[in-house]
Protein backbone atom coordinates (compact mmCIF):
# COMPACT_ATOMS: atom_id res chain seq x y z
CA UNK A 1 -13.57 -13.78 0.56
CA UNK A 2 -16.08 -15.24 2.96
CA UNK A 3 -17.66 -13.88 6.09
CA UNK A 4 -19.83 -16.64 7.50
CA UNK A 5 -21.63 -15.90 10.77
CA UNK A 6 -20.08 -18.97 12.40
CA UNK A 7 -16.46 -18.38 11.31
CA UNK A 8 -13.99 -19.08 14.09
CA UNK A 9 -10.47 -18.04 13.09
CA UNK A 10 -7.61 -20.47 13.40
CA UNK A 11 -3.89 -19.75 13.66
CA UNK A 12 -2.38 -19.24 10.18
CA UNK A 13 -5.75 -18.46 8.53
CA UNK A 14 -5.45 -15.80 5.81
CA UNK A 15 -7.92 -13.00 6.57
CA UNK A 16 -8.79 -9.41 5.82
CA UNK A 17 -9.79 -6.83 8.40
CA UNK A 18 -12.75 -4.52 7.97
CA UNK A 19 -11.52 -1.02 7.13
CA UNK A 20 -8.01 -2.04 6.03
CA UNK A 21 -6.44 -3.22 2.81
CA UNK A 22 -4.21 -6.21 2.35
CA UNK A 23 -3.85 -9.74 3.54
CA UNK A 24 -3.36 -10.61 7.19
CA UNK A 25 -2.53 -13.85 9.00
CA UNK A 26 -4.11 -14.98 12.28
CA UNK A 27 -1.32 -15.46 14.84
CA UNK A 28 -3.36 -16.11 18.00
CA UNK A 29 -6.99 -16.69 18.99
CA UNK A 30 -8.68 -15.87 22.31
CA UNK A 31 -11.93 -17.85 22.34
CA UNK A 32 -12.98 -16.44 25.72
CA UNK A 33 -13.13 -12.91 24.30
CA UNK A 34 -13.92 -13.82 20.65
CA UNK A 35 -10.82 -11.92 19.54
CA UNK A 36 -7.86 -12.75 17.36
CA UNK A 37 -4.38 -11.30 16.94
CA UNK A 38 -3.69 -10.76 13.25
CA UNK A 39 -0.42 -9.74 11.65
CA UNK A 40 0.49 -8.10 8.37
CA UNK A 41 2.39 -10.28 5.91
CA UNK A 42 4.80 -7.56 4.80
CA UNK A 43 7.11 -5.15 6.56
CA UNK A 44 6.63 -3.30 8.74
CA UNK A 45 4.93 -6.07 10.70
CA UNK A 46 1.83 -4.71 12.42
CA UNK A 47 -0.27 -6.76 14.83
CA UNK A 48 -3.92 -5.98 15.54
CA UNK A 49 -6.18 -7.49 18.20
CA UNK A 50 -9.67 -7.58 16.74
CA UNK A 51 -13.11 -9.10 17.26
CA UNK A 52 -13.93 -12.06 15.06
CA UNK A 53 -16.85 -10.17 13.56
CA UNK A 54 -14.38 -7.72 11.95
CA UNK A 55 -12.55 -10.49 10.07
CA UNK A 56 -13.26 -12.02 6.68
CA UNK A 57 -11.69 -15.35 5.77
CA UNK A 58 -9.70 -15.43 2.53
CA UNK A 59 -10.25 -18.75 0.79
CA UNK A 60 -7.08 -19.00 -1.27
CA UNK A 61 -7.64 -22.55 -2.54
CA UNK A 62 -9.03 -21.44 -5.93
CA UNK A 63 -6.00 -19.20 -6.49
CA UNK A 64 -3.58 -21.92 -5.42
CA UNK A 65 -5.24 -24.40 -7.77
CA UNK A 66 -5.09 -21.91 -10.65
CA UNK A 67 -1.39 -21.15 -10.01
CA UNK A 68 -0.49 -24.86 -9.97
CA UNK A 69 -2.57 -25.50 -13.11
CA UNK A 70 -0.93 -22.61 -14.99
CA UNK A 71 2.56 -23.66 -13.88
CA UNK A 72 2.06 -27.23 -15.06
CA UNK A 73 0.28 -26.55 -18.37
CA UNK A 74 2.16 -27.53 -21.48
CA UNK A 75 3.02 -24.48 -23.54
């Protein structure tokens, strides 16, 4: 999880929201207000409009690499 000062969310970024649990996805960005609409990934679908400063980017590349490596390892 990363929270760089210069993070600008992009549509489809995996994020977390301060004060909540779980993974969210950015569905829209309003650069004029520095806000983003984020949606839950499970039902019920809940959409929040939040300031960028409340978001933390989830870098899932290490997990994806580990999953692929484990799936392709010879057993």
